[in-house]
Amino acid sequence: MMNFDKYHGCGNDFVMINNLDDHLGGRLDSKLVNSLCSRRYGIGADGLILLCQSGTEDFKMIYYNADGNESTMCGNGGRCIVAFAKALGVINTKCTFEAIDGVHSAEISKDGIVKLNMSDVDGISLQADDFVLNTGSPHYVRMVQDIEQYDVFEQGRGIRNSDAFAAAGINVNFVEKVGSQYRIRTYERGVEAETDACGTGVTAAALVLSQYYDAGSSINLQTNGGLLTVTIGEKDGDVFKDISLIGPAQKVYTGSVEI
């Protein structure tokens, strides 16, 4: 039996496993991760995250997409693992942790709001009228109108599987300005569907909005699952620095599953 906790950040949900004692060894293969993330036959989640020992930081984060493959940085997953580590007593209110894209710092408030420092982002590429950048994971950003009626699945899948991106895959974000805020919907590779929120996608959209649409340095984006905020520090040439992703991380339940 394997114990786990279920967490979500604005509806972006994860199976969280405390593996500080390395009790899983090599048993967590892609087939098992995929089955655990299955919404019909498993626990159900957008991804699975291991909390592991780090030789230099408070802990190490290992993230798997729902398809079972270890993947690049997950912003909402990063916020959730901070809340998970806090609940386990591994950290207090501030921490640093290892992820696949480097070391992140974070802090969590009493009401469960997690501020996660994201990796620096080296520039934004233009793709016709759209934008491509890497915020720890690769992202494509397109500004649209009437986003609630927009076919995110078909349009996102088409871009993700286009000749330019099919090999490695890319996450695809659609953004519309609504009043003083922005609405975002995201098709995620590895899940191969629209998710309720994507932290690195929200970060990517915020950088595009800041640079090309005069949105400022603190940007609110409404996802399907809730509100996330991105703050951006001063640029160093083409490099965005001091980027933070801010929002709630909530525990759903604790359980155990036979593996």
C-alpha atoms as a PDB file:
ATOM      1  CA  MET A   1       0.000   0.000   0.000  1.00  0.00           C
ATOM      2  CA  MET A   2       1.186   3.504  -0.837  1.00  0.00           C
ATOM      3  CA  ASN A   3       0.027   6.540   1.120  1.00  0.00           C
ATOM      4  CA  PHE A   4      -0.661   9.764  -0.753  1.00  0.00           C
ATOM      5  CA  ASP A   5      -2.271  13.167  -0.413  1.00  0.00           C
ATOM      6  CA  LYS A   6      -4.331  14.883  -3.103  1.00  0.00           C
ATOM      7  CA  TYR A   7      -3.733  18.616  -3.594  1.00  0.00           C
ATOM      8  CA  HIS A   8      -4.881  21.179  -6.117  1.00  0.00           C
ATOM      9  CA  GLY A   9      -3.898  24.679  -7.153  1.00  0.00           C
ATOM     10  CA  CYS A  10      -6.901  26.372  -8.770  1.00  0.00           C
ATOM     11  CA  GLY A  11      -8.204  22.991  -9.899  1.00  0.00           C
ATOM     12  CA  ASN A  12      -4.853  21.807 -11.294  1.00  0.00           C
ATOM     13  CA  ASP A  13      -4.673  18.617  -9.227  1.00  0.00           C
ATOM     14  CA  PHE A  14      -1.847  16.327  -8.154  1.00  0.00           C
ATOM     15  CA  VAL A  15      -1.142  13.081  -6.353  1.00  0.00           C
ATOM     16  CA  MET A  16       1.461  14.009  -3.731  1.00  0.00           C
ATOM     17  CA  ILE A  17       3.761  11.330  -2.289  1.00  0.00           C
ATOM     18  CA  ASN A  18       6.171  11.716   0.601  1.00  0.00           C
ATOM     19  CA  ASN A  19       9.267   9.867  -0.608  1.00  0.00           C
ATOM     20  CA  LEU A  20      11.789  11.440   1.769  1.00  0.00           C
ATOM     21  CA  ASP A  21      12.819   7.965   2.936  1.00  0.00           C
ATOM     22  CA  ASP A  22      13.052   6.729  -0.695  1.00  0.00           C
ATOM     23  CA  HIS A  23      10.661   3.868   0.097  1.00  0.00           C
ATOM     24  CA  LEU A  24       9.475   3.725  -3.516  1.00  0.00           C
ATOM     25  CA  GLY A  25      12.887   2.847  -4.864  1.00  0.00           C
ATOM     26  CA  GLY A  26      12.493   2.139  -8.580  1.00  0.00           C
ATOM     27  CA  ARG A  27       8.874   1.001  -8.416  1.00  0.00           C
ATOM     28  CA  LEU A  28       7.328   4.203  -9.760  1.00  0.00           C
ATOM     29  CA  ASP A  29       7.437   3.572 -13.516  1.00  0.00           C
ATOM     30  CA  SER A  30       5.499   5.447 -16.195  1.00  0.00           C
ATOM     31  CA  LYS A  31       2.775   2.791 -16.425  1.00  0.00           C
ATOM     32  CA  LEU A  32       2.062   3.023 -12.690  1.00  0.00           C
ATOM     33  CA  VAL A  33       2.054   6.840 -12.696  1.00  0.00           C
ATOM     34  CA  ASN A  34      -0.336   6.870 -15.645  1.00  0.00           C
ATOM     35  CA  SER A  35      -2.694   4.429 -13.936  1.00  0.00           C
ATOM     36  CA  LEU A  36      -2.657   6.399 -10.665  1.00  0.00           C
ATOM     37  CA  CYS A  37      -3.493   9.615 -12.537  1.00  0.00           C
ATOM     38  CA  SER A  38      -6.334   7.992 -14.490  1.00  0.00           C
ATOM     39  CA  ARG A  39      -9.673   9.610 -13.612  1.00  0.00           C
ATOM     40  CA  ARG A  40     -11.627   6.446 -14.402  1.00  0.00           C
ATOM     41  CA  TYR A  41      -9.333   3.723 -13.089  1.00  0.00           C
ATOM     42  CA  GLY A  42      -7.047   5.421 -10.568  1.00  0.00           C
ATOM     43  CA  ILE A  43      -6.922   8.311  -8.123  1.00  0.00           C
ATOM     44  CA  GLY A  44      -7.328  10.907 -10.861  1.00  0.00           C
ATOM     45  CA  ALA A  45      -4.975  13.858 -11.325  1.00  0.00           C
ATOM     46  CA  ASP A  46      -3.225  16.101 -13.838  1.00  0.00           C
ATOM     47  CA  GLY A  47       0.105  14.875 -12.491  1.00  0.00           C
ATOM     48  CA  LEU A  48       2.012  13.102  -9.728  1.00  0.00           C
ATOM     49  CA  ILE A  49       4.685  14.685  -7.539  1.00  0.00           C
ATOM     50  CA  LEU A  50       7.336  13.111  -5.338  1.00  0.00           C
ATOM     51  CA  LEU A  51       8.696  14.947  -2.289  1.00  0.00           C
ATOM     52  CA  CYS A  52      12.301  13.733  -2.034  1.00  0.00           C
ATOM     53  CA  GLN A  53      15.468  14.471  -0.109  1.00  0.00           C
ATOM     54  CA  SER A  54      17.840  17.116  -1.410  1.00  0.00           C
ATOM     55  CA  GLY A  55      21.514  17.311  -0.627  1.00  0.00           C
ATOM     56  CA  THR A  56      21.510  21.113  -0.631  1.00  0.00           C
ATOM     57  CA  GLU A  57      17.933  22.469  -0.256  1.00  0.00           C
ATOM     58  CA  ASP A  58      14.924  21.788   1.977  1.00  0.00           C
ATOM     59  CA  PHE A  59      13.615  19.143  -0.425  1.00  0.00           C
ATOM     60  CA  LYS A  60      13.522  18.033  -4.049  1.00  0.00           C
ATOM     61  CA  MET A  61      10.474  17.970  -6.330  1.00  0.00           C
ATOM     62  CA  ILE A  62      10.085  15.302  -9.020  1.00  0.00           C
ATOM     63  CA  TYR A  63       7.089  15.870 -11.290  1.00  0.00           C
ATOM     64  CA  TYR A  64       5.322  13.429 -13.625  1.00  0.00           C
ATOM     65  CA  ASN A  65       2.643  14.304 -16.155  1.00  0.00           C
ATOM     66  CA  ALA A  66      -0.570  12.288 -16.189  1.00  0.00           C
ATOM     67  CA  ASP A  67       0.771  10.324 -19.171  1.00  0.00           C
ATOM     68  CA  GLY A  68       3.359   8.829 -16.802  1.00  0.00           C
ATOM     69  CA  ASN A  69       6.443  10.618 -18.065  1.00  0.00           C
ATOM     70  CA  GLU A  70       8.713  12.747 -15.892  1.00  0.00           C
ATOM     71  CA  SER A  71       8.281  16.284 -17.118  1.00  0.00           C
ATOM     72  CA  THR A  72       9.520  19.837 -16.889  1.00  0.00           C
ATOM     73  CA  MET A  73       8.627  22.397 -14.213  1.00  0.00           C
ATOM     74  CA  CYS A  74       5.036  22.649 -13.008  1.00  0.00           C
ATOM     75  CA  GLY A  75       4.169  25.978 -11.354  1.00  0.00           C
ATOM     76  CA  ASN A  76       0.968  24.915  -9.612  1.00  0.00           C
ATOM     77  CA  GLY A  77       2.637  21.656  -8.638  1.00  0.00           C
ATOM     78  CA  GLY A  78       5.500  23.671  -7.185  1.00  0.00           C
ATOM     79  CA  ARG A  79       3.066  25.670  -5.086  1.00  0.00           C
ATOM     80  CA  CYS A  80       1.285  22.487  -3.971  1.00  0.00           C
ATOM     81  CA  ILE A  81       4.476  20.739  -2.904  1.00  0.00           C
ATOM     82  CA  VAL A  82       5.320  23.748  -0.703  1.00  0.00           C
ATOM     83  CA  ALA A  83       1.939  23.377   1.025  1.00  0.00           C
ATOM     84  CA  PHE A  84       2.490  19.606   1.277  1.00  0.00           C
ATOM     85  CA  ALA A  85       5.947  20.060   2.834  1.00  0.00           C
ATOM     86  CA  LYS A  86       4.511  22.580   5.291  1.00  0.00           C
ATOM     87  CA  ALA A  87       1.747  20.153   6.333  1.00  0.00           C
ATOM     88  CA  LEU A  88       4.341  17.416   6.903  1.00  0.00           C
ATOM     89  CA  GLY A  89       6.483  19.707   9.075  1.00  0.00           C
ATOM     90  CA  VAL A  90       9.378  19.598   6.599  1.00  0.00           C
ATOM     91  CA  ILE A  91       9.387  23.397   6.336  1.00  0.00           C
ATOM     92  CA  ASN A  92       7.917  26.336   8.230  1.00  0.00           C
ATOM     93  CA  THR A  93       6.793  29.300   6.108  1.00  0.00           C
ATOM     94  CA  LYS A  94       9.787  29.721   3.782  1.00  0.00           C
ATOM     95  CA  CYS A  95      11.852  27.239   1.817  1.00  0.00           C
ATOM     96  CA  THR A  96      14.078  26.515  -1.128  1.00  0.00           C
ATOM     97  CA  PHE A  97      13.728  23.362  -3.192  1.00  0.00           C
ATOM     98  CA  GLU A  98      15.229  21.618  -6.185  1.00  0.00           C
ATOM     99  CA  ALA A  99      13.219  21.109  -9.352  1.00  0.00           C
ATOM    100  CA  ILE A 100      14.157  19.979 -12.832  1.00  0.00           C
ATOM    101  CA  ASP A 101      14.756  23.598 -13.933  1.00  0.00           C
ATOM    102  CA  GLY A 102      16.851  24.602 -10.921  1.00  0.00           C
ATOM    103  CA  VAL A 103      16.367  25.885  -7.386  1.00  0.00           C
ATOM    104  CA  HIS A 104      13.176  27.722  -6.402  1.00  0.00           C
ATOM    105  CA  SER A 105      12.379  29.732  -3.301  1.00  0.00           C
ATOM    106  CA  ALA A 106       8.867  29.995  -1.886  1.00  0.00           C
ATOM    107  CA  GLU A 107       6.817  31.121   1.078  1.00  0.00           C
ATOM    108  CA  ILE A 108       3.371  30.138   2.315  1.00  0.00           C
ATOM    109  CA  SER A 109       0.966  32.307   4.287  1.00  0.00           C
ATOM    110  CA  LYS A 110      -1.323  31.234   7.125  1.00  0.00           C
ATOM    111  CA  ASP A 111      -4.283  31.042   4.753  1.00  0.00           C
ATOM    112  CA  GLY A 112      -2.482  28.776   2.281  1.00  0.00           C
ATOM    113  CA  ILE A 113      -1.446  31.316  -0.341  1.00  0.00           C
ATOM    114  CA  VAL A 114       1.882  30.247  -1.844  1.00  0.00           C
ATOM    115  CA  LYS A 115       4.280  32.675  -3.478  1.00  0.00           C
ATOM    116  CA  LEU A 116       6.666  30.718  -5.704  1.00  0.00           C
ATOM    117  CA  ASN A 117       9.753  32.258  -7.282  1.00  0.00           C
ATOM    118  CA  MET A 118       9.968  31.081 -10.882  1.00  0.00           C
ATOM    119  CA  SER A 119      13.060  30.633 -13.034  1.00  0.00           C
ATOM    120  CA  ASP A 120      14.393  33.529 -15.082  1.00  0.00           C
ATOM    121  CA  VAL A 121      12.966  33.611 -18.612  1.00  0.00           C
ATOM    122  CA  ASP A 122      15.281  34.399 -21.492  1.00  0.00           C
ATOM    123  CA  GLY A 123      13.177  36.226 -24.047  1.00  0.00           C
ATOM    124  CA  ILE A 124       9.971  35.737 -26.022  1.00  0.00           C
ATOM    125  CA  SER A 125       9.930  34.510 -29.624  1.00  0.00           C
ATOM    126  CA  LEU A 126       7.307  35.593 -32.150  1.00  0.00           C
ATOM    127  CA  GLN A 127       5.324  32.968 -34.062  1.00  0.00           C
ATOM    128  CA  ALA A 128       3.306  35.019 -36.593  1.00  0.00           C
ATOM    129  CA  ASP A 129       0.909  36.912 -34.264  1.00  0.00           C
ATOM    130  CA  ASP A 130       1.533  34.514 -31.359  1.00  0.00           C
ATOM    131  CA  PHE A 131       4.311  34.038 -28.805  1.00  0.00           C
ATOM    132  CA  VAL A 132       6.627  31.214 -27.695  1.00  0.00           C
ATOM    133  CA  LEU A 133       8.666  31.150 -24.483  1.00  0.00           C
ATOM    134  CA  ASN A 134       9.950  28.814 -21.786  1.00  0.00           C
ATOM    135  CA  THR A 135       8.955  29.439 -18.157  1.00  0.00           C
ATOM    136  CA  GLY A 136      10.389  26.148 -16.887  1.00  0.00           C
ATOM    137  CA  SER A 137       8.134  24.407 -19.414  1.00  0.00           C
ATOM    138  CA  PRO A 138       7.614  25.387 -23.073  1.00  0.00           C
ATOM    139  CA  HIS A 139       4.577  27.559 -23.792  1.00  0.00           C
ATOM    140  CA  TYR A 140       2.694  28.987 -26.737  1.00  0.00           C
ATOM    141  CA  VAL A 141       0.510  32.063 -26.079  1.00  0.00           C
ATOM    142  CA  ARG A 142      -2.270  33.339 -28.355  1.00  0.00           C
ATOM    143  CA  MET A 143      -4.525  36.345 -27.726  1.00  0.00           C
ATOM    144  CA  VAL A 144      -8.144  35.578 -28.640  1.00  0.00           C
ATOM    145  CA  GLN A 145     -11.664  37.017 -28.467  1.00  0.00           C
ATOM    146  CA  ASP A 146     -14.753  35.357 -26.952  1.00  0.00           C
ATOM    147  CA  ILE A 147     -12.583  32.937 -24.982  1.00  0.00           C
ATOM    148  CA  GLU A 148     -15.491  31.164 -23.292  1.00  0.00           C
ATOM    149  CA  GLN A 149     -16.668  29.896 -26.680  1.00  0.00           C
ATOM    150  CA  TYR A 150     -13.179  29.214 -28.019  1.00  0.00           C
ATOM    151  CA  ASP A 151     -12.404  25.614 -28.971  1.00  0.00           C
ATOM    152  CA  VAL A 152      -9.376  25.211 -26.696  1.00  0.00           C
ATOM    153  CA  PHE A 153      -9.123  21.453 -27.164  1.00  0.00           C
ATOM    154  CA  GLU A 154      -9.043  21.407 -30.966  1.00  0.00           C
ATOM    155  CA  GLN A 155      -6.961  24.558 -31.379  1.00  0.00           C
ATOM    156  CA  GLY A 156      -4.566  23.580 -28.602  1.00  0.00           C
ATOM    157  CA  ARG A 157      -4.146  20.046 -29.854  1.00  0.00           C
ATOM    158  CA  GLY A 158      -3.493  21.334 -33.365  1.00  0.00           C
ATOM    159  CA  ILE A 159      -0.683  23.648 -32.249  1.00  0.00           C
ATOM    160  CA  ARG A 160       0.795  21.091 -29.830  1.00  0.00           C
ATOM    161  CA  ASN A 161       0.959  18.459 -32.608  1.00  0.00           C
ATOM    162  CA  SER A 162       2.060  20.792 -35.402  1.00  0.00           C
ATOM    163  CA  ASP A 163       5.329  20.078 -37.188  1.00  0.00           C
ATOM    164  CA  ALA A 164       7.104  22.801 -35.204  1.00  0.00           C
ATOM    165  CA  PHE A 165       6.255  21.351 -31.786  1.00  0.00           C
ATOM    166  CA  ALA A 166       5.161  17.722 -32.139  1.00  0.00           C
ATOM    167  CA  ALA A 167       8.487  16.146 -31.148  1.00  0.00           C
ATOM    168  CA  ALA A 168       8.868  17.726 -27.685  1.00  0.00           C
ATOM    169  CA  GLY A 169       5.325  19.033 -27.299  1.00  0.00           C
ATOM    170  CA  ILE A 170       4.256  22.456 -26.097  1.00  0.00           C
ATOM    171  CA  ASN A 171       1.593  23.818 -23.768  1.00  0.00           C
ATOM    172  CA  VAL A 172      -0.857  26.155 -25.491  1.00  0.00           C
ATOM    173  CA  ASN A 173      -2.464  29.152 -23.767  1.00  0.00           C
ATOM    174  CA  PHE A 174      -5.347  31.288 -24.987  1.00  0.00           C
ATOM    175  CA  VAL A 175      -5.796  34.708 -23.355  1.00  0.00           C
ATOM    176  CA  GLU A 176      -8.407  37.467 -23.485  1.00  0.00           C
ATOM    177  CA  LYS A 177      -8.607  40.778 -21.630  1.00  0.00           C
ATOM    178  CA  VAL A 178     -11.839  40.950 -19.629  1.00  0.00           C
ATOM    179  CA  GLY A 179     -12.283  44.265 -17.826  1.00  0.00           C
ATOM    180  CA  SER A 180      -9.187  45.009 -15.776  1.00  0.00           C
ATOM    181  CA  GLN A 181      -8.134  41.345 -15.594  1.00  0.00           C
ATOM    182  CA  TYR A 182      -7.245  38.620 -18.037  1.00  0.00           C
ATOM    183  CA  ARG A 183      -8.906  35.295 -18.727  1.00  0.00           C
ATOM    184  CA  ILE A 184      -6.733  32.301 -19.638  1.00  0.00           C
ATOM    185  CA  ARG A 185      -7.432  28.751 -20.775  1.00  0.00           C
ATOM    186  CA  THR A 186      -4.679  26.181 -21.339  1.00  0.00           C
ATOM    187  CA  TYR A 187      -4.211  22.947 -23.289  1.00  0.00           C
ATOM    188  CA  GLU A 188      -1.465  20.956 -21.531  1.00  0.00           C
ATOM    189  CA  ARG A 189       0.871  18.466 -23.150  1.00  0.00           C
ATOM    190  CA  GLY A 190       1.208  15.253 -21.154  1.00  0.00           C
ATOM    191  CA  VAL A 191      -2.403  15.622 -20.029  1.00  0.00           C
ATOM    192  CA  GLU A 192      -3.434  16.156 -23.678  1.00  0.00           C
ATOM    193  CA  ALA A 193      -6.492  18.127 -22.646  1.00  0.00           C
ATOM    194  CA  GLU A 194      -7.531  21.448 -21.196  1.00  0.00           C
ATOM    195  CA  THR A 195      -6.726  21.749 -17.490  1.00  0.00           C
ATOM    196  CA  ASP A 196      -8.380  24.022 -14.953  1.00  0.00           C
ATOM    197  CA  ALA A 197      -5.144  25.970 -14.476  1.00  0.00           C
ATOM    198  CA  CYS A 198      -1.478  25.905 -15.484  1.00  0.00           C
ATOM    199  CA  GLY A 199       1.058  27.806 -13.383  1.00  0.00           C
ATOM    200  CA  THR A 200       3.857  27.993 -15.930  1.00  0.00           C
ATOM    201  CA  GLY A 201       1.225  28.900 -18.552  1.00  0.00           C
ATOM    202  CA  VAL A 202      -0.126  31.743 -16.437  1.00  0.00           C
ATOM    203  CA  THR A 203       3.465  32.909 -15.972  1.00  0.00           C
ATOM    204  CA  ALA A 204       4.104  32.769 -19.717  1.00  0.00           C
ATOM    205  CA  ALA A 205       0.938  34.721 -20.480  1.00  0.00           C
ATOM    206  CA  ALA A 206       1.809  37.368 -17.870  1.00  0.00           C
ATOM    207  CA  LEU A 207       5.234  37.951 -19.410  1.00  0.00           C
ATOM    208  CA  VAL A 208       3.691  38.359 -22.871  1.00  0.00           C
ATOM    209  CA  LEU A 209       1.072  40.746 -21.487  1.00  0.00           C
ATOM    210  CA  SER A 210       3.697  42.763 -19.643  1.00  0.00           C
ATOM    211  CA  GLN A 211       6.020  43.111 -22.625  1.00  0.00           C
ATOM    212  CA  TYR A 212       3.566  43.507 -25.512  1.00  0.00           C
ATOM    213  CA  TYR A 213       0.282  44.733 -23.990  1.00  0.00           C
ATOM    214  CA  ASP A 214       1.397  47.201 -21.277  1.00  0.00           C
ATOM    215  CA  ALA A 215      -0.134  45.091 -18.506  1.00  0.00           C
ATOM    216  CA  GLY A 216       2.378  46.209 -15.898  1.00  0.00           C
ATOM    217  CA  SER A 217       4.417  44.198 -13.437  1.00  0.00           C
ATOM    218  CA  SER A 218       1.611  42.638 -11.350  1.00  0.00           C
ATOM    219  CA  ILE A 219      -0.940  40.766 -13.434  1.00  0.00           C
ATOM    220  CA  ASN A 220      -4.064  38.870 -12.380  1.00  0.00           C
ATOM    221  CA  LEU A 221      -5.198  35.999 -14.575  1.00  0.00           C
ATOM    222  CA  GLN A 222      -8.480  34.155 -14.123  1.00  0.00           C
ATOM    223  CA  THR A 223      -8.160  30.443 -14.861  1.00  0.00           C
ATOM    224  CA  ASN A 224     -11.017  27.940 -15.006  1.00  0.00           C
ATOM    225  CA  GLY A 225     -10.231  27.062 -11.393  1.00  0.00           C
ATOM    226  CA  GLY A 226      -9.472  30.415  -9.796  1.00  0.00           C
ATOM    227  CA  LEU A 227      -7.355  33.537  -9.755  1.00  0.00           C
ATOM    228  CA  LEU A 228      -3.558  33.519 -10.005  1.00  0.00           C
ATOM    229  CA  THR A 229      -1.233  36.507  -9.829  1.00  0.00           C
ATOM    230  CA  VAL A 230       2.183  36.938 -11.431  1.00  0.00           C
ATOM    231  CA  THR A 231       4.618  39.636 -10.353  1.00  0.00           C
ATOM    232  CA  ILE A 232       7.628  40.527 -12.477  1.00  0.00           C
ATOM    233  CA  GLY A 233      10.825  42.294 -11.472  1.00  0.00           C
ATOM    234  CA  GLU A 234      13.166  44.365 -13.615  1.00  0.00           C
ATOM    235  CA  LYS A 235      14.393  42.929 -16.903  1.00  0.00           C
ATOM    236  CA  ASP A 236      18.095  42.373 -17.522  1.00  0.00           C
ATOM    237  CA  GLY A 237      18.314  42.896 -21.272  1.00  0.00           C
ATOM    238  CA  ASP A 238      15.947  40.294 -22.741  1.00  0.00           C
ATOM    239  CA  VAL A 239      15.866  38.262 -19.518  1.00  0.00           C
ATOM    240  CA  PHE A 240      12.862  38.475 -17.187  1.00  0.00           C
ATOM    241  CA  LYS A 241      13.987  38.162 -13.564  1.00  0.00           C
ATOM    242  CA  ASP A 242      12.415  37.986 -10.114  1.00  0.00           C
ATOM    243  CA  ILE A 243       9.176  36.369 -11.339  1.00  0.00           C
ATOM    244  CA  SER A 244       6.684  35.110  -8.754  1.00  0.00           C
ATOM    245  CA  LEU A 245       3.562  32.974  -9.153  1.00  0.00           C
ATOM    246  CA  ILE A 246       1.042  33.581  -6.363  1.00  0.00           C
ATOM    247  CA  GLY A 247      -2.139  31.716  -5.491  1.00  0.00           C
ATOM    248  CA  PRO A 248      -3.833  29.095  -3.304  1.00  0.00           C
ATOM    249  CA  ALA A 249      -2.686  25.499  -2.778  1.00  0.00           C
ATOM    250  CA  GLN A 250      -5.231  23.288  -1.079  1.00  0.00           C
ATOM    251  CA  LYS A 251      -5.338  19.751   0.277  1.00  0.00           C
ATOM    252  CA  VAL A 252      -8.281  17.692  -0.939  1.00  0.00           C
ATOM    253  CA  TYR A 253      -7.849  14.422   0.960  1.00  0.00           C
ATOM    254  CA  THR A 254      -5.449  11.757   2.209  1.00  0.00           C
ATOM    255  CA  GLY A 255      -5.621   8.154   1.054  1.00  0.00           C
ATOM    256  CA  SER A 256      -3.776   4.947   0.301  1.00  0.00           C
ATOM    257  CA  VAL A 257      -3.655   2.823  -2.815  1.00  0.00           C
ATOM    258  CA  GLU A 258      -2.362  -0.662  -3.577  1.00  0.00           C
ATOM    259  CA  ILE A 259       0.566  -0.667  -5.981  1.00  0.00           C
END
